PDB file of N, CA and C in Angstrom:
ATOM      1  N   MET A   1     -51.056  69.900  26.671  1.00  0.00           N
ATOM      2  CA  MET A   1     -49.808  69.918  27.416  1.00  0.00           C
ATOM      3  C   MET A   1     -49.672  71.227  28.204  1.00  0.00           C
ATOM      4  N   ILE A   2     -49.977  72.355  27.584  1.00  0.00           N
ATOM      5  CA  ILE A   2     -49.850  73.653  28.245  1.00  0.00           C
ATOM      6  C   ILE A   2     -50.825  73.747  29.417  1.00  0.00           C
ATOM      7  N   GLU A   3     -52.043  73.298  29.208  1.00  0.00           N
ATOM      8  CA  GLU A   3     -53.040  73.326  30.292  1.00  0.00           C
ATOM      9  C   GLU A   3     -52.591  72.471  31.468  1.00  0.00           C
ATOM     10  N   LYS A   4     -51.987  71.336  31.178  1.00  0.00           N
ATOM     11  CA  LYS A   4     -51.482  70.454  32.243  1.00  0.00           C
ATOM     12  C   LYS A   4     -50.378  71.165  33.022  1.00  0.00           C
ATOM     13  N   LEU A   5     -49.478  71.825  32.329  1.00  0.00           N
ATOM     14  CA  LEU A   5     -48.397  72.549  33.003  1.00  0.00           C
ATOM     15  C   LEU A   5     -48.945  73.687  33.858  1.00  0.00           C
ATOM     16  N   ILE A   6     -49.954  74.374  33.357  1.00  0.00           N
ATOM     17  CA  ILE A   6     -50.562  75.454  34.129  1.00  0.00           C
ATOM     18  C   ILE A   6     -51.189  74.885  35.401  1.00  0.00           C
ATOM     19  N   ARG A   7     -51.863  73.747  35.293  1.00  0.00           N
ATOM     20  CA  ARG A   7     -52.451  73.104  36.481  1.00  0.00           C
ATOM     21  C   ARG A   7     -51.356  72.695  37.466  1.00  0.00           C
ATOM     22  N   GLU A   8     -50.210  72.265  36.942  1.00  0.00           N
ATOM     23  CA  GLU A   8     -49.106  71.845  37.808  1.00  0.00           C
ATOM     24  C   GLU A   8     -48.493  73.016  38.577  1.00  0.00           C
ATOM     25  N   LEU A   9     -48.683  74.233  38.104  1.00  0.00           N
ATOM     26  CA  LEU A   9     -48.232  75.392  38.877  1.00  0.00           C
ATOM     27  C   LEU A   9     -48.928  75.427  40.234  1.00  0.00           C
ATOM     28  N   ASP A  10     -50.130  74.874  40.300  1.00  0.00           N
ATOM     29  CA  ASP A  10     -50.924  74.830  41.526  1.00  0.00           C
ATOM     30  C   ASP A  10     -50.631  73.600  42.385  1.00  0.00           C
ATOM     31  N   SER A  11     -49.646  72.826  42.016  1.00  0.00           N
ATOM     32  CA  SER A  11     -49.328  71.607  42.753  1.00  0.00           C
ATOM     33  C   SER A  11     -48.914  71.924  44.190  1.00  0.00           C
ATOM     34  N   GLU A  12     -49.276  71.044  45.092  1.00  0.00           N
ATOM     35  CA  GLU A  12     -48.823  71.172  46.478  1.00  0.00           C
ATOM     36  C   GLU A  12     -47.334  70.868  46.594  1.00  0.00           C
ATOM     37  N   ASP A  13     -46.793  70.200  45.605  1.00  0.00           N
ATOM     38  CA  ASP A  13     -45.371  69.880  45.548  1.00  0.00           C
ATOM     39  C   ASP A  13     -44.651  71.051  44.860  1.00  0.00           C
ATOM     40  N   SER A  14     -43.921  71.836  45.629  1.00  0.00           N
ATOM     41  CA  SER A  14     -43.290  73.037  45.065  1.00  0.00           C
ATOM     42  C   SER A  14     -42.281  72.693  43.968  1.00  0.00           C
ATOM     43  N   GLU A  15     -41.647  71.533  44.071  1.00  0.00           N
ATOM     44  CA  GLU A  15     -40.699  71.134  43.024  1.00  0.00           C
ATOM     45  C   GLU A  15     -41.423  70.901  41.698  1.00  0.00           C
ATOM     46  N   GLN A  16     -42.592  70.266  41.761  1.00  0.00           N
ATOM     47  CA  GLN A  16     -43.392  70.050  40.553  1.00  0.00           C
ATOM     48  C   GLN A  16     -43.837  71.393  39.977  1.00  0.00           C
ATOM     49  N   ALA A  17     -44.230  72.319  40.846  1.00  0.00           N
ATOM     50  CA  ALA A  17     -44.653  73.645  40.386  1.00  0.00           C
ATOM     51  C   ALA A  17     -43.485  74.374  39.727  1.00  0.00           C
ATOM     52  N   MET A  18     -42.306  74.266  40.316  1.00  0.00           N
ATOM     53  CA  MET A  18     -41.138  74.931  39.733  1.00  0.00           C
ATOM     54  C   MET A  18     -40.749  74.303  38.397  1.00  0.00           C
ATOM     55  N   ASP A  19     -40.889  72.988  38.288  1.00  0.00           N
ATOM     56  CA  ASP A  19     -40.623  72.321  37.008  1.00  0.00           C
ATOM     57  C   ASP A  19     -41.609  72.798  35.946  1.00  0.00           C
ATOM     58  N   ALA A  20     -42.874  72.944  36.331  1.00  0.00           N
ATOM     59  CA  ALA A  20     -43.883  73.441  35.397  1.00  0.00           C
ATOM     60  C   ALA A  20     -43.565  74.877  34.988  1.00  0.00           C
ATOM     61  N   GLN A  21     -43.119  75.680  35.944  1.00  0.00           N
ATOM     62  CA  GLN A  21     -42.738  77.060  35.645  1.00  0.00           C
ATOM     63  C   GLN A  21     -41.598  77.095  34.623  1.00  0.00           C
ATOM     64  N   ALA A  22     -40.588  76.278  34.839  1.00  0.00           N
ATOM     65  CA  ALA A  22     -39.452  76.234  33.909  1.00  0.00           C
ATOM     66  C   ALA A  22     -39.897  75.776  32.521  1.00  0.00           C
ATOM     67  N   ALA A  23     -40.750  74.771  32.475  1.00  0.00           N
ATOM     68  CA  ALA A  23     -41.235  74.264  31.189  1.00  0.00           C
ATOM     69  C   ALA A  23     -42.061  75.322  30.464  1.00  0.00           C
ATOM     70  N   LEU A  24     -42.934  76.005  31.195  1.00  0.00           N
ATOM     71  CA  LEU A  24     -43.752  77.048  30.567  1.00  0.00           C
ATOM     72  C   LEU A  24     -42.895  78.205  30.076  1.00  0.00           C
ATOM     73  N   THR A  25     -41.872  78.556  30.827  1.00  0.00           N
ATOM     74  CA  THR A  25     -40.971  79.631  30.397  1.00  0.00           C
ATOM     75  C   THR A  25     -40.276  79.237  29.099  1.00  0.00           C
ATOM     76  N   SER A  26     -39.785  78.017  29.039  1.00  0.00           N
ATOM     77  CA  SER A  26     -39.118  77.539  27.817  1.00  0.00           C
ATOM     78  C   SER A  26     -40.079  77.506  26.638  1.00  0.00           C
ATOM     79  N   LEU A  27     -41.276  76.984  26.873  1.00  0.00           N
ATOM     80  CA  LEU A  27     -42.276  76.930  25.801  1.00  0.00           C
ATOM     81  C   LEU A  27     -42.657  78.328  25.328  1.00  0.00           C
ATOM     82  N   ALA A  28     -42.758  79.257  26.253  1.00  0.00           N
ATOM     83  CA  ALA A  28     -43.178  80.615  25.901  1.00  0.00           C
ATOM     84  C   ALA A  28     -42.141  81.305  25.027  1.00  0.00           C
ATOM     85  N   ARG A  29     -40.894  80.907  25.148  1.00  0.00           N
ATOM     86  CA  ARG A  29     -39.850  81.497  24.291  1.00  0.00           C
ATOM     87  C   ARG A  29     -40.006  81.031  22.846  1.00  0.00           C
ATOM     88  N   GLU A  30     -40.528  79.832  22.664  1.00  0.00           N
ATOM     89  CA  GLU A  30     -40.648  79.262  21.328  1.00  0.00           C
ATOM     90  C   GLU A  30     -42.052  79.378  20.753  1.00  0.00           C
ATOM     91  N   ASN A  31     -43.049  79.407  21.607  1.00  0.00           N
ATOM     92  CA  ASN A  31     -44.448  79.463  21.193  1.00  0.00           C
ATOM     93  C   ASN A  31     -45.131  80.570  21.973  1.00  0.00           C
ATOM     94  N   ASP A  32     -46.276  80.960  21.533  1.00  0.00           N
ATOM     95  CA  ASP A  32     -46.989  82.034  22.219  1.00  0.00           C
ATOM     96  C   ASP A  32     -47.951  81.447  23.249  1.00  0.00           C
ATOM     97  N   VAL A  33     -47.394  80.982  24.377  1.00  0.00           N
ATOM     98  CA  VAL A  33     -48.227  80.391  25.422  1.00  0.00           C
ATOM     99  C   VAL A  33     -48.474  81.364  26.577  1.00  0.00           C
ATOM    100  N   LEU A  34     -47.819  82.512  26.557  1.00  0.00           N
ATOM    101  CA  LEU A  34     -47.979  83.453  27.666  1.00  0.00           C
ATOM    102  C   LEU A  34     -49.436  83.852  27.861  1.00  0.00           C
ATOM    103  N   LEU A  35     -50.154  84.072  26.784  1.00  0.00           N
ATOM    104  CA  LEU A  35     -51.552  84.482  26.922  1.00  0.00           C
ATOM    105  C   LEU A  35     -52.394  83.402  27.599  1.00  0.00           C
ATOM    106  N   ASP A  36     -52.092  82.134  27.351  1.00  0.00           N
ATOM    107  CA  ASP A  36     -52.790  81.040  28.038  1.00  0.00           C
ATOM    108  C   ASP A  36     -52.514  81.098  29.539  1.00  0.00           C
ATOM    109  N   VAL A  37     -51.277  81.351  29.890  1.00  0.00           N
ATOM    110  CA  VAL A  37     -50.892  81.444  31.297  1.00  0.00           C
ATOM    111  C   VAL A  37     -51.588  82.642  31.951  1.00  0.00           C
ATOM    112  N   LEU A  38     -51.608  83.774  31.261  1.00  0.00           N
ATOM    113  CA  LEU A  38     -52.223  84.979  31.811  1.00  0.00           C
ATOM    114  C   LEU A  38     -53.731  84.810  32.000  1.00  0.00           C
ATOM    115  N   ARG A  39     -54.369  84.086  31.101  1.00  0.00           N
ATOM    116  CA  ARG A  39     -55.813  83.832  31.242  1.00  0.00           C
ATOM    117  C   ARG A  39     -56.098  82.995  32.490  1.00  0.00           C
ATOM    118  N   ALA A  40     -55.214  82.072  32.815  1.00  0.00           N
ATOM    119  CA  ALA A  40     -55.404  81.195  33.972  1.00  0.00           C
ATOM    120  C   ALA A  40     -55.025  81.876  35.293  1.00  0.00           C
ATOM    121  N   LEU A  41     -54.266  82.933  35.223  1.00  0.00           N
ATOM    122  CA  LEU A  41     -53.688  83.576  36.405  1.00  0.00           C
ATOM    123  C   LEU A  41     -54.676  83.883  37.533  1.00  0.00           C
ATOM    124  N   PRO A  42     -55.831  84.487  37.274  1.00  0.00           N
ATOM    125  CA  PRO A  42     -56.727  84.839  38.384  1.00  0.00           C
ATOM    126  C   PRO A  42     -57.205  83.636  39.201  1.00  0.00           C
ATOM    127  N   GLY A  43     -57.295  82.474  38.605  1.00  0.00           N
ATOM    128  CA  GLY A  43     -57.794  81.298  39.299  1.00  0.00           C
ATOM    129  C   GLY A  43     -56.725  80.460  39.982  1.00  0.00           C
ATOM    130  N   LEU A  44     -55.480  80.903  39.898  1.00  0.00           N
ATOM    131  CA  LEU A  44     -54.386  80.134  40.479  1.00  0.00           C
ATOM    132  C   LEU A  44     -54.169  80.478  41.946  1.00  0.00           C
ATOM    133  N   SER A  45     -53.515  79.574  42.650  1.00  0.00           N
ATOM    134  CA  SER A  45     -53.175  79.794  44.062  1.00  0.00           C
ATOM    135  C   SER A  45     -52.098  80.872  44.190  1.00  0.00           C
ATOM    136  N   ARG A  46     -51.849  81.283  45.414  1.00  0.00           N
ATOM    137  CA  ARG A  46     -50.829  82.302  45.680  1.00  0.00           C
ATOM    138  C   ARG A  46     -49.472  81.864  45.128  1.00  0.00           C
ATOM    139  N   TYR A  47     -49.060  80.641  45.447  1.00  0.00           N
ATOM    140  CA  TYR A  47     -47.757  80.160  44.991  1.00  0.00           C
ATOM    141  C   TYR A  47     -47.688  80.123  43.464  1.00  0.00           C
ATOM    142  N   ALA A  48     -48.737  79.651  42.843  1.00  0.00           N
ATOM    143  CA  ALA A  48     -48.768  79.580  41.380  1.00  0.00           C
ATOM    144  C   ALA A  48     -48.711  80.978  40.767  1.00  0.00           C
ATOM    145  N   GLN A  49     -49.378  81.939  41.390  1.00  0.00           N
ATOM    146  CA  GLN A  49     -49.319  83.314  40.890  1.00  0.00           C
ATOM    147  C   GLN A  49     -47.896  83.857  40.983  1.00  0.00           C
ATOM    148  N   LEU A  50     -47.182  83.510  42.045  1.00  0.00           N
ATOM    149  CA  LEU A  50     -45.785  83.930  42.161  1.00  0.00           C
ATOM    150  C   LEU A  50     -44.934  83.287  41.066  1.00  0.00           C
ATOM    151  N   CYS A  51     -45.224  82.041  40.750  1.00  0.00           N
ATOM    152  CA  CYS A  51     -44.513  81.371  39.648  1.00  0.00           C
ATOM    153  C   CYS A  51     -44.762  82.101  38.332  1.00  0.00           C
ATOM    154  N   VAL A  52     -46.007  82.503  38.105  1.00  0.00           N
ATOM    155  CA  VAL A  52     -46.340  83.217  36.869  1.00  0.00           C
ATOM    156  C   VAL A  52     -45.627  84.569  36.826  1.00  0.00           C
ATOM    157  N   ILE A  53     -45.551  85.249  37.952  1.00  0.00           N
ATOM    158  CA  ILE A  53     -44.828  86.520  37.980  1.00  0.00           C
ATOM    159  C   ILE A  53     -43.373  86.296  37.578  1.00  0.00           C
ATOM    160  N   GLU A  54     -42.772  85.222  38.032  1.00  0.00           N
ATOM    161  CA  GLU A  54     -41.392  84.921  37.639  1.00  0.00           C
ATOM    162  C   GLU A  54     -41.299  84.618  36.145  1.00  0.00           C
ATOM    163  N   ILE A  55     -42.296  83.944  35.593  1.00  0.00           N
ATOM    164  CA  ILE A  55     -42.318  83.703  34.141  1.00  0.00           C
ATOM    165  C   ILE A  55     -42.372  85.043  33.410  1.00  0.00           C
ATOM    166  N   ILE A  56     -43.241  85.924  33.873  1.00  0.00           N
ATOM    167  CA  ILE A  56     -43.372  87.250  33.257  1.00  0.00           C
ATOM    168  C   ILE A  56     -42.052  87.996  33.311  1.00  0.00           C
ATOM    169  N   GLU A  57     -41.387  87.964  34.459  1.00  0.00           N
ATOM    170  CA  GLU A  57     -40.093  88.639  34.596  1.00  0.00           C
ATOM    171  C   GLU A  57     -39.071  88.076  33.618  1.00  0.00           C
ATOM    172  N   GLU A  58     -39.046  86.767  33.517  1.00  0.00           N
ATOM    173  CA  GLU A  58     -38.079  86.115  32.633  1.00  0.00           C
ATOM    174  C   GLU A  58     -38.320  86.477  31.169  1.00  0.00           C
ATOM    175  N   LEU A  59     -39.583  86.540  30.773  1.00  0.00           N
ATOM    176  CA  LEU A  59     -39.907  86.809  29.372  1.00  0.00           C
ATOM    177  C   LEU A  59     -39.882  88.287  29.027  1.00  0.00           C
ATOM    178  N   ALA A  60     -40.093  89.145  30.030  1.00  0.00           N
ATOM    179  CA  ALA A  60     -40.120  90.598  29.818  1.00  0.00           C
ATOM    180  C   ALA A  60     -41.076  90.969  28.678  1.00  0.00           C
ATOM    181  N   ASP A  61     -42.247  90.357  28.696  1.00  0.00           N
ATOM    182  CA  ASP A  61     -43.258  90.580  27.658  1.00  0.00           C
ATOM    183  C   ASP A  61     -44.239  91.645  28.154  1.00  0.00           C
ATOM    184  N   THR A  62     -44.324  92.738  27.437  1.00  0.00           N
ATOM    185  CA  THR A  62     -45.158  93.856  27.876  1.00  0.00           C
ATOM    186  C   THR A  62     -46.649  93.535  27.868  1.00  0.00           C
ATOM    187  N   ARG A  63     -47.046  92.480  27.177  1.00  0.00           N
ATOM    188  CA  ARG A  63     -48.462  92.094  27.184  1.00  0.00           C
ATOM    189  C   ARG A  63     -48.930  91.669  28.575  1.00  0.00           C
ATOM    190  N   ALA A  64     -48.003  91.393  29.465  1.00  0.00           N
ATOM    191  CA  ALA A  64     -48.362  90.957  30.814  1.00  0.00           C
ATOM    192  C   ALA A  64     -48.680  92.130  31.735  1.00  0.00           C
ATOM    193  N   GLY A  65     -48.475  93.349  31.270  1.00  0.00           N
ATOM    194  CA  GLY A  65     -48.721  94.527  32.099  1.00  0.00           C
ATOM    195  C   GLY A  65     -50.089  94.559  32.752  1.00  0.00           C
ATOM    196  N   PRO A  66     -51.171  94.390  32.009  1.00  0.00           N
ATOM    197  CA  PRO A  66     -52.497  94.415  32.639  1.00  0.00           C
ATOM    198  C   PRO A  66     -52.683  93.334  33.706  1.00  0.00           C
ATOM    199  N   ALA A  67     -52.107  92.157  33.492  1.00  0.00           N
ATOM    200  CA  ALA A  67     -52.221  91.083  34.487  1.00  0.00           C
ATOM    201  C   ALA A  67     -51.479  91.461  35.765  1.00  0.00           C
ATOM    202  N   LEU A  68     -50.318  92.087  35.623  1.00  0.00           N
ATOM    203  CA  LEU A  68     -49.576  92.529  36.806  1.00  0.00           C
ATOM    204  C   LEU A  68     -50.349  93.608  37.554  1.00  0.00           C
ATOM    205  N   ILE A  69     -50.962  94.497  36.823  1.00  0.00           N
ATOM    206  CA  ILE A  69     -51.775  95.552  37.459  1.00  0.00           C
ATOM    207  C   ILE A  69     -52.929  94.926  38.234  1.00  0.00           C
ATOM    208  N   ASP A  70     -53.574  93.924  37.655  1.00  0.00           N
ATOM    209  CA  ASP A  70     -54.672  93.241  38.352  1.00  0.00           C
ATOM    210  C   ASP A  70     -54.189  92.594  39.655  1.00  0.00           C
ATOM    211  N   LEU A  71     -52.967  92.076  39.641  1.00  0.00           N
ATOM    212  CA  LEU A  71     -52.438  91.417  40.836  1.00  0.00           C
ATOM    213  C   LEU A  71     -52.132  92.400  41.964  1.00  0.00           C
ATOM    214  N   LEU A  72     -52.083  93.672  41.663  1.00  0.00           N
ATOM    215  CA  LEU A  72     -51.835  94.668  42.704  1.00  0.00           C
ATOM    216  C   LEU A  72     -52.975  94.740  43.712  1.00  0.00           C
ATOM    217  N   SER A  73     -54.118  94.170  43.365  1.00  0.00           N
ATOM    218  CA  SER A  73     -55.248  94.138  44.301  1.00  0.00           C
ATOM    219  C   SER A  73     -55.446  92.737  44.888  1.00  0.00           C
ATOM    220  N   SER A  74     -54.442  91.884  44.791  1.00  0.00           N
ATOM    221  CA  SER A  74     -54.514  90.536  45.338  1.00  0.00           C
ATOM    222  C   SER A  74     -54.713  90.576  46.855  1.00  0.00           C
ATOM    223  N   GLU A  75     -55.336  89.542  47.361  1.00  0.00           N
ATOM    224  CA  GLU A  75     -55.502  89.425  48.810  1.00  0.00           C
ATOM    225  C   GLU A  75     -54.187  89.048  49.495  1.00  0.00           C
ATOM    226  N   PHE A  76     -53.202  88.637  48.718  1.00  0.00           N
ATOM    227  CA  PHE A  76     -51.933  88.174  49.267  1.00  0.00           C
ATOM    228  C   PHE A  76     -50.861  89.266  49.165  1.00  0.00           C
ATOM    229  N   ASP A  77     -50.267  89.615  50.306  1.00  0.00           N
ATOM    230  CA  ASP A  77     -49.240  90.658  50.344  1.00  0.00           C
ATOM    231  C   ASP A  77     -48.079  90.367  49.394  1.00  0.00           C
ATOM    232  N   THR A  78     -47.607  89.133  49.422  1.00  0.00           N
ATOM    233  CA  THR A  78     -46.443  88.779  48.608  1.00  0.00           C
ATOM    234  C   THR A  78     -46.750  88.908  47.124  1.00  0.00           C
ATOM    235  N   VAL A  79     -47.931  88.506  46.714  1.00  0.00           N
ATOM    236  CA  VAL A  79     -48.316  88.627  45.303  1.00  0.00           C
ATOM    237  C   VAL A  79     -48.349  90.100  44.906  1.00  0.00           C
ATOM    238  N   ARG A  80     -48.927  90.932  45.749  1.00  0.00           N
ATOM    239  CA  ARG A  80     -48.973  92.374  45.446  1.00  0.00           C
ATOM    240  C   ARG A  80     -47.558  92.944  45.324  1.00  0.00           C
ATOM    241  N   GLU A  81     -46.696  92.581  46.255  1.00  0.00           N
ATOM    242  CA  GLU A  81     -45.320  93.090  46.238  1.00  0.00           C
ATOM    243  C   GLU A  81     -44.571  92.632  44.995  1.00  0.00           C
ATOM    244  N   TRP A  82     -44.645  91.343  44.691  1.00  0.00           N
ATOM    245  CA  TRP A  82     -43.936  90.824  43.518  1.00  0.00           C
ATOM    246  C   TRP A  82     -44.479  91.428  42.227  1.00  0.00           C
ATOM    247  N   ALA A  83     -45.795  91.608  42.151  1.00  0.00           N
ATOM    248  CA  ALA A  83     -46.404  92.201  40.955  1.00  0.00           C
ATOM    249  C   ALA A  83     -45.913  93.642  40.777  1.00  0.00           C
ATOM    250  N   ALA A  84     -45.809  94.369  41.887  1.00  0.00           N
ATOM    251  CA  ALA A  84     -45.362  95.763  41.820  1.00  0.00           C
ATOM    252  C   ALA A  84     -43.890  95.851  41.413  1.00  0.00           C
ATOM    253  N   LEU A  85     -43.081  94.912  41.867  1.00  0.00           N
ATOM    254  CA  LEU A  85     -41.652  94.958  41.595  1.00  0.00           C
ATOM    255  C   LEU A  85     -41.255  94.266  40.285  1.00  0.00           C
ATOM    256  N   ALA A  86     -42.154  93.508  39.705  1.00  0.00           N
ATOM    257  CA  ALA A  86     -41.812  92.698  38.518  1.00  0.00           C
ATOM    258  C   ALA A  86     -41.173  93.501  37.391  1.00  0.00           C
ATOM    259  N   PRO A  87     -41.707  94.682  37.031  1.00  0.00           N
ATOM    260  CA  PRO A  87     -41.067  95.401  35.919  1.00  0.00           C
ATOM    261  C   PRO A  87     -39.624  95.790  36.213  1.00  0.00           C
ATOM    262  N   SER A  88     -39.287  96.044  37.453  1.00  0.00           N
ATOM    263  CA  SER A  88     -37.927  96.462  37.789  1.00  0.00           C
ATOM    264  C   SER A  88     -36.990  95.275  37.970  1.00  0.00           C
ATOM    265  N   ARG A  89     -37.545  94.073  38.128  1.00  0.00           N
ATOM    266  CA  ARG A  89     -36.716  92.889  38.352  1.00  0.00           C
ATOM    267  C   ARG A  89     -36.525  92.070  37.085  1.00  0.00           C
ATOM    268  N   ARG A  90     -36.994  92.557  35.976  1.00  0.00           N
ATOM    269  CA  ARG A  90     -36.855  91.786  34.713  1.00  0.00           C
ATOM    270  C   ARG A  90     -35.394  91.533  34.432  1.00  0.00           C
ATOM    271  N   ARG A  91     -35.150  90.320  33.965  1.00  0.00           N
ATOM    272  CA  ARG A  91     -33.762  89.893  33.711  1.00  0.00           C
ATOM    273  C   ARG A  91     -33.275  90.368  32.381  1.00  0.00           C
TER     274      ARG A  91
END
């Protein structure tokens, strides 16, 4: 189920990706799925990486620090910006 949701983050349908993001955020609060999401992060599309950054912000889990640092060298400007700002935007 978690792997399917992670794949859905890469959906061309942004609504499906956002639904997957919400589901993963909820699951991560109850189960330790963040590490699964972080492992998949490098292979995800730009939009999916932005979804993961929002999951990280919502969870405020310090284990995501190295993944955010890695995203600072992304080829995508928006991913780099969101990764840099994520610690300050935590809810």
